[in-house]
Amino acid sequence: DKVSQRMYGRERLWQGARTPFLMRFVAEEDAYLSNTHGGPRLYINQEDFVQYSTGLRNGPFQEVINIFRTEPTCSARLHWGKAGWPEHATCFDGAAEYPESWCDFGCAAYELDPAAKFSGVPDPEDTWVFRATEGGDVVDLLTQEGFGRCCSPDGFTRGCACVSREPCGA
């Protein structure tokens, strides 16, 4: 109800979309960063054709993404290659969004790319933060020490706990 009220009520956020959103129901997958890791989800594929054609920020469209991300009944995850980055994922907390698999992916990332050459973002610290606790110590999985303490050939070592990143700017 909250979502439809915001979309079609006084705010008329639907006007931020030139085309209807494509909706897909997708079964659970076990890939570390799959949007459906942890259970089936509804995918909503949205393209911001207003911004594409004008070059200007499309406020109503961005607010729709914000609703999907922050409304507890939606709990949407951003598609890794679609709209929403970085505006709706600044200070991204992968451990909170992917609690069962984020640190497994961190172990794989370090094992395959210890120099973070392929991090793919201007500031890897903004997205790729993999922290764990082991024996009361907080370790960074993207370091040799953290990898050695909390990772194995099978992924994240269950003797460690995957933890959320520090708040940005801290």
Protein backbone atom coordinates (compact mmCIF):
# COMPACT_ATOMS: atom_id res chain seq x y z
CA ASP A 1 0.00 0.00 0.00
CA LYS A 2 2.74 2.48 0.90
CA VAL A 3 4.50 1.90 -2.40
CA SER A 4 1.36 2.30 -4.52
CA GLN A 5 0.34 5.43 -2.57
CA ARG A 6 3.70 7.03 -3.30
CA MET A 7 3.70 5.89 -6.94
CA TYR A 8 0.15 6.88 -7.87
CA GLY A 9 -0.84 9.31 -5.12
CA ARG A 10 -0.08 13.00 -4.71
CA GLU A 11 3.64 12.57 -5.57
CA ARG A 12 2.85 10.92 -8.92
CA LEU A 13 6.23 9.20 -9.03
CA TRP A 14 5.06 7.04 -11.93
CA GLN A 15 5.76 10.05 -14.14
CA GLY A 16 9.50 9.37 -13.75
CA ALA A 17 9.20 6.29 -15.96
CA ARG A 18 8.63 6.53 -19.69
CA THR A 19 8.07 2.80 -20.01
CA PRO A 20 6.53 0.25 -17.63
CA PHE A 21 8.92 -1.60 -15.34
CA LEU A 22 9.72 -5.15 -16.39
CA MET A 23 8.96 -7.52 -13.52
CA ARG A 24 10.34 -11.05 -13.11
CA PHE A 25 9.93 -13.60 -10.34
CA VAL A 26 13.23 -15.45 -9.95
CA ALA A 27 14.04 -18.56 -7.90
CA GLU A 28 16.86 -18.69 -5.37
CA GLU A 29 20.40 -19.11 -6.72
CA ASP A 30 23.53 -20.04 -4.81
CA ALA A 31 26.06 -17.76 -6.56
CA TYR A 32 27.73 -15.51 -3.99
CA LEU A 33 26.50 -12.20 -5.41
CA SER A 34 23.29 -13.37 -7.06
CA ASN A 35 20.44 -11.01 -6.26
CA THR A 36 18.44 -14.10 -5.31
CA HIS A 37 21.03 -15.57 -2.95
CA GLY A 38 19.15 -16.22 0.27
CA GLY A 39 15.75 -16.75 -1.33
CA PRO A 40 13.55 -16.04 -4.33
CA ARG A 41 12.96 -12.39 -5.21
CA LEU A 42 11.05 -10.13 -7.49
CA TYR A 43 13.28 -8.43 -10.08
CA ILE A 44 12.17 -5.04 -11.28
CA ASN A 45 14.15 -3.95 -14.31
CA GLN A 46 13.92 -0.20 -14.74
CA GLU A 47 15.62 1.99 -17.26
CA ASP A 48 15.70 5.75 -16.78
CA PHE A 49 14.92 6.91 -20.31
CA VAL A 50 14.17 10.44 -19.05
CA GLN A 51 17.75 10.86 -17.83
CA TYR A 52 19.14 9.10 -20.92
CA SER A 53 17.35 11.54 -23.24
CA THR A 54 17.84 14.76 -21.26
CA GLY A 55 21.09 14.16 -19.38
CA LEU A 56 19.40 15.50 -16.24
CA ARG A 57 18.75 13.70 -12.97
CA ASN A 58 15.23 12.23 -12.93
CA GLY A 59 14.06 12.83 -9.34
CA PRO A 60 10.81 10.80 -9.48
CA PHE A 61 12.60 7.81 -10.99
CA GLN A 62 15.36 7.95 -8.36
CA GLU A 63 12.73 8.16 -5.60
CA VAL A 64 11.11 4.96 -6.93
CA ILE A 65 14.46 3.19 -6.62
CA ASN A 66 14.86 4.63 -3.13
CA ILE A 67 11.43 3.26 -2.14
CA PHE A 68 12.27 -0.20 -3.45
CA ARG A 69 15.59 -0.17 -1.55
CA THR A 70 14.37 1.24 1.76
CA GLU A 71 10.77 0.07 2.17
CA PRO A 72 10.91 -3.06 4.39
CA THR A 73 8.17 -4.80 2.40
CA CYS A 74 10.31 -4.46 -0.76
CA SER A 75 13.89 -4.96 0.51
CA ALA A 76 15.17 -4.74 -3.06
CA ARG A 77 18.78 -5.24 -4.06
CA LEU A 78 20.30 -3.23 -6.86
CA HIS A 79 21.21 -5.06 -10.06
CA TRP A 80 24.99 -4.93 -10.30
CA GLY A 81 24.91 -3.38 -13.78
CA LYS A 82 21.74 -1.27 -13.77
CA ALA A 83 20.38 1.99 -12.39
CA GLY A 84 20.97 3.02 -8.80
CA TRP A 85 24.74 2.98 -8.44
CA PRO A 86 26.23 4.94 -6.76
CA GLU A 87 23.32 7.16 -5.66
CA HIS A 88 21.43 4.47 -3.77
CA ALA A 89 24.37 2.44 -2.58
CA THR A 90 26.83 4.99 -1.27
CA CYS A 91 28.72 3.35 1.58
CA PHE A 92 27.42 -0.03 0.39
CA ASP A 93 27.30 -2.64 3.17
CA GLY A 94 27.61 -6.00 1.45
CA ALA A 95 27.63 -7.92 4.74
CA ALA A 96 24.17 -6.53 5.52
CA GLU A 97 22.74 -7.08 2.03
CA TYR A 98 24.33 -10.48 1.40
CA PRO A 99 24.78 -11.88 4.93
CA GLU A 100 25.18 -15.52 3.90
CA SER A 101 27.70 -14.99 1.10
CA TRP A 102 29.44 -11.60 1.18
CA CYS A 103 32.58 -12.76 2.96
CA ASP A 104 32.76 -15.92 0.80
CA PHE A 105 32.93 -13.58 -2.17
CA GLY A 106 35.56 -11.46 -0.39
CA CYS A 107 37.74 -14.55 0.06
CA ALA A 108 37.35 -15.44 -3.62
CA ALA A 109 38.08 -11.85 -4.68
CA TYR A 110 41.33 -11.73 -2.73
CA GLU A 111 42.43 -15.20 -3.84
CA LEU A 112 41.90 -14.35 -7.52
CA ASP A 113 42.97 -10.68 -7.40
CA PRO A 114 45.14 -9.91 -4.35
CA ALA A 115 46.18 -6.52 -5.78
CA ALA A 116 42.51 -5.47 -6.41
CA LYS A 117 43.43 -4.71 -10.01
CA PHE A 118 39.91 -5.55 -11.20
CA SER A 119 37.91 -3.83 -8.48
CA GLY A 120 36.17 -1.83 -11.22
CA VAL A 121 35.29 1.28 -9.24
CA PRO A 122 37.20 4.55 -8.76
CA ASP A 123 37.29 4.01 -4.99
CA PRO A 124 37.20 0.29 -4.11
CA GLU A 125 36.70 1.27 -0.47
CA ASP A 126 33.23 2.53 -1.39
CA THR A 127 31.90 -0.89 -2.43
CA TRP A 128 34.36 -3.69 -1.87
CA VAL A 129 34.71 -3.81 1.92
CA PHE A 130 35.00 -7.30 3.41
CA ARG A 131 35.42 -7.33 7.19
CA ALA A 132 35.33 -10.21 9.63
CA THR A 133 36.02 -10.87 13.27
CA GLU A 134 38.19 -13.71 14.44
CA GLY A 135 39.26 -14.20 18.03
CA GLY A 136 37.97 -10.72 18.91
CA ASP A 137 40.04 -9.06 16.19
CA VAL A 138 38.56 -7.28 13.16
CA VAL A 139 40.34 -8.29 9.97
CA ASP A 140 40.11 -7.08 6.37
CA LEU A 141 39.65 -10.06 4.04
CA LEU A 142 41.34 -8.16 1.20
CA THR A 143 44.68 -8.37 3.00
CA GLN A 144 47.03 -11.30 3.27
CA GLU A 145 46.51 -11.41 7.05
CA GLY A 146 42.71 -11.36 6.83
CA PHE A 147 42.68 -13.89 4.03
CA GLY A 148 45.01 -16.20 5.98
CA ARG A 149 42.92 -15.99 9.13
CA CYS A 150 39.41 -16.28 7.71
CA CYS A 151 39.56 -17.88 4.27
CA SER A 152 40.13 -21.40 2.98
CA PRO A 153 39.93 -23.04 -0.45
CA ASP A 154 36.23 -23.60 0.35
CA GLY A 155 35.55 -19.90 1.00
CA PHE A 156 34.91 -18.05 4.24
CA THR A 157 35.96 -19.93 7.36
CA ARG A 158 33.06 -20.40 9.72
CA GLY A 159 35.38 -19.77 12.71
CA CYS A 160 35.18 -16.12 11.69
CA ALA A 161 32.12 -13.87 11.57
CA CYS A 162 31.36 -11.61 8.62
CA VAL A 163 30.64 -8.10 9.93
CA SER A 164 29.34 -4.85 8.52
CA ARG A 165 31.69 -2.15 7.38
CA GLU A 166 32.48 0.92 9.44
CA PRO A 167 30.16 3.84 8.72
CA CYS A 168 31.47 5.90 5.82
CA GLY A 169 33.48 8.89 6.88
CA ALA A 170 34.39 7.27 10.22
